N, C-alpha and C. Protein backbone atom coordinates (compact mmCIF):
# COMPACT_ATOMS: atom_id res chain seq x y z
N UNK A 1 -12.49 75.34 67.31
CA UNK A 1 -13.44 76.41 67.56
C UNK A 1 -13.33 76.84 69.02
N UNK A 2 -13.35 78.14 69.23
CA UNK A 2 -13.23 78.68 70.58
C UNK A 2 -14.59 78.65 71.26
N UNK A 3 -14.60 78.14 72.49
CA UNK A 3 -15.82 78.09 73.28
C UNK A 3 -15.98 79.42 74.00
N UNK A 4 -16.88 80.25 73.51
CA UNK A 4 -17.08 81.58 74.08
C UNK A 4 -17.46 81.54 75.55
N UNK A 5 -18.31 80.61 75.91
CA UNK A 5 -18.84 80.57 77.27
C UNK A 5 -17.78 80.29 78.32
N UNK A 6 -16.73 79.58 77.96
CA UNK A 6 -15.73 79.21 78.95
C UNK A 6 -14.52 80.14 78.97
N UNK A 7 -14.52 81.17 78.15
CA UNK A 7 -13.39 82.08 78.09
C UNK A 7 -13.87 83.50 78.40
N UNK A 8 -13.62 83.97 79.64
CA UNK A 8 -14.12 85.29 80.03
C UNK A 8 -13.63 86.43 79.13
N UNK A 9 -12.39 86.36 78.68
CA UNK A 9 -11.88 87.43 77.82
C UNK A 9 -12.64 87.48 76.51
N UNK A 10 -12.84 86.35 75.90
CA UNK A 10 -13.56 86.32 74.62
C UNK A 10 -15.02 86.73 74.82
N UNK A 11 -15.65 86.21 75.85
CA UNK A 11 -17.04 86.57 76.14
C UNK A 11 -17.19 88.08 76.30
N UNK A 12 -16.30 88.67 77.09
CA UNK A 12 -16.40 90.11 77.37
C UNK A 12 -16.02 90.96 76.16
N UNK A 13 -15.03 90.53 75.39
CA UNK A 13 -14.64 91.35 74.23
C UNK A 13 -15.66 91.25 73.10
N UNK A 14 -16.32 90.11 72.96
CA UNK A 14 -17.38 89.99 71.95
C UNK A 14 -18.55 90.88 72.34
N UNK A 15 -18.96 90.83 73.61
CA UNK A 15 -20.06 91.69 74.06
C UNK A 15 -19.68 93.16 73.88
N UNK A 16 -18.45 93.51 74.26
CA UNK A 16 -18.00 94.89 74.12
C UNK A 16 -18.01 95.31 72.65
N UNK A 17 -17.54 94.45 71.77
CA UNK A 17 -17.54 94.76 70.34
C UNK A 17 -18.95 95.02 69.83
N UNK A 18 -19.89 94.19 70.24
CA UNK A 18 -21.27 94.39 69.81
C UNK A 18 -21.84 95.70 70.35
N UNK A 19 -21.50 96.01 71.60
CA UNK A 19 -21.95 97.28 72.18
C UNK A 19 -21.29 98.48 71.51
N UNK A 20 -20.02 98.34 71.14
CA UNK A 20 -19.32 99.41 70.42
C UNK A 20 -19.96 99.63 69.05
N UNK A 21 -20.31 98.55 68.37
CA UNK A 21 -20.98 98.68 67.07
C UNK A 21 -22.26 99.50 67.23
N UNK A 22 -23.06 99.16 68.22
CA UNK A 22 -24.31 99.90 68.46
C UNK A 22 -24.05 101.36 68.79
N UNK A 23 -23.06 101.62 69.65
CA UNK A 23 -22.72 102.98 70.03
C UNK A 23 -22.22 103.78 68.81
N UNK A 24 -21.41 103.16 67.99
CA UNK A 24 -20.89 103.85 66.80
C UNK A 24 -22.02 104.17 65.81
N UNK A 25 -23.03 103.32 65.76
CA UNK A 25 -24.19 103.62 64.92
C UNK A 25 -24.91 104.87 65.42
N UNK A 26 -24.99 105.02 66.74
CA UNK A 26 -25.58 106.23 67.32
C UNK A 26 -24.74 107.45 66.97
N UNK A 27 -23.41 107.32 67.08
CA UNK A 27 -22.51 108.42 66.72
C UNK A 27 -22.71 108.81 65.25
N UNK A 28 -22.82 107.82 64.39
CA UNK A 28 -23.00 108.11 62.96
C UNK A 28 -24.34 108.79 62.69
N UNK A 29 -25.37 108.39 63.42
CA UNK A 29 -26.67 109.06 63.28
C UNK A 29 -26.56 110.53 63.64
N UNK A 30 -25.65 110.84 64.55
CA UNK A 30 -25.42 112.23 64.97
C UNK A 30 -24.32 112.90 64.14
N UNK A 31 -23.93 112.23 63.07
CA UNK A 31 -22.92 112.73 62.13
C UNK A 31 -21.53 112.92 62.77
N UNK A 32 -21.22 112.08 63.69
CA UNK A 32 -19.90 112.06 64.35
C UNK A 32 -19.06 110.96 63.70
N UNK A 33 -18.87 111.07 62.41
CA UNK A 33 -18.30 110.00 61.60
C UNK A 33 -16.85 109.67 61.94
N UNK A 34 -16.03 110.67 62.15
CA UNK A 34 -14.59 110.42 62.36
C UNK A 34 -14.36 109.66 63.65
N UNK A 35 -14.95 110.11 64.74
CA UNK A 35 -14.78 109.41 66.02
C UNK A 35 -15.42 108.03 65.93
N UNK A 36 -16.58 107.94 65.30
CA UNK A 36 -17.25 106.63 65.16
C UNK A 36 -16.35 105.64 64.45
N UNK A 37 -15.71 106.08 63.38
CA UNK A 37 -14.84 105.19 62.61
C UNK A 37 -13.64 104.74 63.45
N UNK A 38 -13.00 105.67 64.14
CA UNK A 38 -11.83 105.34 64.96
C UNK A 38 -12.21 104.39 66.10
N UNK A 39 -13.32 104.71 66.76
CA UNK A 39 -13.76 103.91 67.89
C UNK A 39 -14.19 102.51 67.46
N UNK A 40 -14.87 102.43 66.33
CA UNK A 40 -15.29 101.12 65.82
C UNK A 40 -14.07 100.25 65.51
N UNK A 41 -13.06 100.84 64.89
CA UNK A 41 -11.86 100.09 64.53
C UNK A 41 -11.11 99.61 65.77
N UNK A 42 -10.82 100.52 66.68
CA UNK A 42 -10.03 100.13 67.86
C UNK A 42 -10.84 99.26 68.82
N UNK A 43 -12.10 99.59 69.01
CA UNK A 43 -12.93 98.84 69.96
C UNK A 43 -13.17 97.40 69.57
N UNK A 44 -13.34 97.16 68.28
CA UNK A 44 -13.55 95.78 67.83
C UNK A 44 -12.23 95.03 67.68
N UNK A 45 -11.15 95.76 67.52
CA UNK A 45 -9.83 95.13 67.38
C UNK A 45 -9.37 94.46 68.67
N UNK A 46 -9.84 94.96 69.80
CA UNK A 46 -9.49 94.33 71.08
C UNK A 46 -9.93 92.87 71.06
N UNK A 47 -11.17 92.66 70.69
CA UNK A 47 -11.71 91.30 70.63
C UNK A 47 -11.09 90.47 69.53
N UNK A 48 -10.85 91.09 68.37
CA UNK A 48 -10.26 90.35 67.25
C UNK A 48 -8.88 89.82 67.63
N UNK A 49 -8.07 90.65 68.26
CA UNK A 49 -6.72 90.19 68.64
C UNK A 49 -6.76 89.21 69.80
N UNK A 50 -7.68 89.40 70.73
CA UNK A 50 -7.83 88.44 71.82
C UNK A 50 -8.28 87.09 71.26
N UNK A 51 -9.18 87.13 70.28
CA UNK A 51 -9.67 85.92 69.63
C UNK A 51 -8.53 85.21 68.90
N UNK A 52 -7.73 85.98 68.15
CA UNK A 52 -6.58 85.40 67.43
C UNK A 52 -5.57 84.79 68.39
N UNK A 53 -5.42 85.38 69.55
CA UNK A 53 -4.44 84.88 70.53
C UNK A 53 -4.81 83.50 71.07
N UNK A 54 -6.04 83.10 70.88
CA UNK A 54 -6.47 81.80 71.41
C UNK A 54 -5.87 80.61 70.65
N UNK A 55 -5.40 80.84 69.44
CA UNK A 55 -4.76 79.78 68.64
C UNK A 55 -3.42 80.27 68.11
N UNK A 56 -2.48 80.56 69.01
CA UNK A 56 -1.21 81.13 68.58
C UNK A 56 -0.28 80.09 67.97
N UNK A 57 0.68 80.58 67.19
CA UNK A 57 1.72 79.72 66.63
C UNK A 57 2.74 79.35 67.70
N UNK A 58 2.90 80.26 68.66
CA UNK A 58 3.88 80.06 69.72
C UNK A 58 3.50 80.94 70.90
N UNK A 59 4.22 80.79 72.00
CA UNK A 59 4.00 81.64 73.18
C UNK A 59 4.29 83.10 72.82
N UNK A 60 5.32 83.30 72.03
CA UNK A 60 5.69 84.65 71.60
C UNK A 60 4.55 85.28 70.77
N UNK A 61 3.94 84.49 69.89
CA UNK A 61 2.82 84.97 69.08
C UNK A 61 1.64 85.33 69.97
N UNK A 62 1.37 84.49 70.99
CA UNK A 62 0.29 84.76 71.94
C UNK A 62 0.52 86.11 72.62
N UNK A 63 1.72 86.31 73.13
CA UNK A 63 2.05 87.55 73.83
C UNK A 63 1.92 88.74 72.88
N UNK A 64 2.38 88.57 71.65
CA UNK A 64 2.29 89.64 70.66
C UNK A 64 0.83 90.05 70.42
N UNK A 65 -0.06 89.08 70.27
CA UNK A 65 -1.48 89.36 70.02
C UNK A 65 -2.12 90.05 71.23
N UNK A 66 -1.77 89.59 72.42
CA UNK A 66 -2.31 90.21 73.64
C UNK A 66 -1.79 91.64 73.79
N UNK A 67 -0.53 91.86 73.41
CA UNK A 67 0.01 93.23 73.46
C UNK A 67 -0.73 94.14 72.49
N UNK A 68 -1.07 93.62 71.32
CA UNK A 68 -1.84 94.42 70.36
C UNK A 68 -3.23 94.72 70.93
N UNK A 69 -3.85 93.72 71.56
CA UNK A 69 -5.16 93.94 72.19
C UNK A 69 -5.05 95.03 73.26
N UNK A 70 -3.97 95.02 74.04
CA UNK A 70 -3.76 96.04 75.07
C UNK A 70 -3.58 97.42 74.45
N UNK A 71 -2.86 97.48 73.35
CA UNK A 71 -2.65 98.75 72.63
C UNK A 71 -3.99 99.29 72.11
N UNK A 72 -4.78 98.44 71.53
CA UNK A 72 -6.09 98.85 71.01
C UNK A 72 -7.03 99.25 72.15
N UNK A 73 -6.89 98.59 73.29
CA UNK A 73 -7.67 98.94 74.46
C UNK A 73 -7.36 100.37 74.90
N UNK A 74 -6.08 100.72 74.93
CA UNK A 74 -5.69 102.07 75.32
C UNK A 74 -6.24 103.11 74.34
N UNK A 75 -6.18 102.79 73.05
CA UNK A 75 -6.71 103.72 72.05
C UNK A 75 -8.22 103.88 72.22
N UNK A 76 -8.90 102.78 72.47
CA UNK A 76 -10.35 102.83 72.68
C UNK A 76 -10.70 103.68 73.89
N UNK A 77 -9.92 103.53 74.96
CA UNK A 77 -10.13 104.37 76.15
C UNK A 77 -10.01 105.85 75.79
N UNK A 78 -9.07 106.18 74.94
CA UNK A 78 -8.87 107.56 74.51
C UNK A 78 -10.11 108.10 73.80
N UNK A 79 -10.61 107.33 72.81
CA UNK A 79 -11.78 107.80 72.06
C UNK A 79 -13.00 107.90 72.96
N UNK A 80 -13.17 106.95 73.88
CA UNK A 80 -14.29 107.03 74.82
C UNK A 80 -14.15 108.23 75.75
N UNK A 81 -12.92 108.53 76.14
CA UNK A 81 -12.67 109.70 76.99
C UNK A 81 -13.09 110.98 76.26
N UNK A 82 -12.74 111.07 74.98
CA UNK A 82 -13.14 112.25 74.20
C UNK A 82 -14.66 112.36 74.12
N UNK A 83 -15.32 111.25 73.88
CA UNK A 83 -16.79 111.26 73.80
C UNK A 83 -17.40 111.67 75.13
N UNK A 84 -16.84 111.15 76.20
CA UNK A 84 -17.36 111.45 77.53
C UNK A 84 -17.24 112.93 77.87
N UNK A 85 -16.16 113.53 77.45
CA UNK A 85 -15.89 114.91 77.85
C UNK A 85 -16.25 115.95 76.79
N UNK A 86 -16.83 115.53 75.70
CA UNK A 86 -17.29 116.47 74.69
C UNK A 86 -18.78 116.72 74.90
N UNK A 87 -19.17 117.97 75.02
CA UNK A 87 -20.58 118.26 75.27
C UNK A 87 -21.51 117.88 74.11
N UNK A 88 -20.98 117.69 72.94
CA UNK A 88 -21.81 117.41 71.77
C UNK A 88 -21.88 115.93 71.40
N UNK A 89 -21.37 115.08 72.28
CA UNK A 89 -21.37 113.64 72.01
C UNK A 89 -22.20 112.91 73.06
N UNK A 90 -22.93 111.90 72.62
CA UNK A 90 -23.60 111.05 73.61
C UNK A 90 -22.53 110.18 74.27
N UNK A 91 -22.83 109.68 75.44
CA UNK A 91 -21.86 108.80 76.10
C UNK A 91 -22.59 107.66 76.78
N UNK A 92 -21.97 106.49 76.76
CA UNK A 92 -22.53 105.29 77.38
C UNK A 92 -21.57 104.84 78.48
N UNK A 93 -21.95 105.08 79.73
CA UNK A 93 -21.12 104.72 80.88
C UNK A 93 -20.80 103.23 80.91
N UNK A 94 -21.71 102.42 80.40
CA UNK A 94 -21.51 100.97 80.39
C UNK A 94 -20.26 100.59 79.59
N UNK A 95 -20.00 101.30 78.51
CA UNK A 95 -18.80 101.02 77.71
C UNK A 95 -17.54 101.27 78.53
N UNK A 96 -17.56 102.33 79.30
CA UNK A 96 -16.42 102.66 80.15
C UNK A 96 -16.20 101.57 81.21
N UNK A 97 -17.26 101.09 81.81
CA UNK A 97 -17.15 100.02 82.80
C UNK A 97 -16.61 98.74 82.17
N UNK A 98 -17.11 98.43 80.98
CA UNK A 98 -16.66 97.21 80.29
C UNK A 98 -15.18 97.29 79.94
N UNK A 99 -14.73 98.44 79.45
CA UNK A 99 -13.33 98.55 79.00
C UNK A 99 -12.38 98.43 80.20
N UNK A 100 -12.79 98.92 81.35
CA UNK A 100 -11.96 98.79 82.56
C UNK A 100 -11.84 97.31 82.94
N UNK A 101 -12.96 96.60 82.91
CA UNK A 101 -12.96 95.18 83.26
C UNK A 101 -12.12 94.37 82.26
N UNK A 102 -12.27 94.65 80.98
CA UNK A 102 -11.49 93.95 79.95
C UNK A 102 -10.00 94.25 80.14
N UNK A 103 -9.69 95.50 80.46
CA UNK A 103 -8.30 95.88 80.70
C UNK A 103 -7.67 95.10 81.83
N UNK A 104 -8.40 94.90 82.91
CA UNK A 104 -7.88 94.12 84.04
C UNK A 104 -7.53 92.70 83.60
N UNK A 105 -8.38 92.11 82.78
CA UNK A 105 -8.14 90.74 82.31
C UNK A 105 -6.92 90.71 81.38
N UNK A 106 -6.88 91.62 80.42
CA UNK A 106 -5.77 91.64 79.45
C UNK A 106 -4.44 91.89 80.15
N UNK A 107 -4.40 92.86 81.06
CA UNK A 107 -3.13 93.16 81.73
C UNK A 107 -2.69 92.03 82.65
N UNK A 108 -3.64 91.32 83.24
CA UNK A 108 -3.29 90.17 84.07
C UNK A 108 -2.72 89.04 83.19
N UNK A 109 -3.37 88.78 82.07
CA UNK A 109 -2.87 87.76 81.14
C UNK A 109 -1.47 88.13 80.66
N UNK A 110 -1.29 89.37 80.30
CA UNK A 110 0.00 89.84 79.80
C UNK A 110 1.07 89.73 80.88
N UNK A 111 0.75 90.15 82.07
CA UNK A 111 1.71 90.09 83.19
C UNK A 111 2.11 88.64 83.48
N UNK A 112 1.12 87.77 83.55
CA UNK A 112 1.39 86.36 83.82
C UNK A 112 2.22 85.73 82.70
N UNK A 113 1.85 86.02 81.46
CA UNK A 113 2.55 85.44 80.30
C UNK A 113 3.99 85.92 80.23
N UNK A 114 4.21 87.21 80.50
CA UNK A 114 5.58 87.74 80.45
C UNK A 114 6.43 87.19 81.58
N UNK A 115 5.84 87.01 82.76
CA UNK A 115 6.63 86.46 83.86
C UNK A 115 6.98 85.00 83.61
N UNK A 116 6.09 84.25 82.99
CA UNK A 116 6.39 82.86 82.64
C UNK A 116 7.46 82.79 81.55
N UNK A 117 7.37 83.72 80.59
CA UNK A 117 8.34 83.74 79.50
C UNK A 117 9.74 84.07 80.03
N UNK A 118 9.79 84.93 81.03
CA UNK A 118 11.07 85.33 81.60
C UNK A 118 11.55 84.39 82.69
N UNK A 119 10.79 83.32 82.92
CA UNK A 119 11.21 82.30 83.88
C UNK A 119 10.97 82.66 85.32
N UNK A 120 10.15 83.65 85.57
CA UNK A 120 9.88 84.06 86.96
C UNK A 120 8.84 83.20 87.61
């Protein structure tokens, strides 16, 4: 079992996922179904893949899961960007701050893991 309290990535991605769920419920109340669905899928996938990476089959599997988390992070940033810049959508600045912080952690993990894999 993964200890949430001792893993900053898991702690932050679980909180972000819960906040994304709440935000997507607000979008759905405003009948913004398509963006809500896309954002819910990509936003929660960051945490799901980070969580899966905690028990990898190999170093390569770990890197693969973190790369998927990074990909989903970029997609989530896109959907949040659209919400932020659309006059008909509500926006939560806190989500933007969280995604930047999570991105720093994921990219650092990825950079470190790739350099170790390449023997640097």
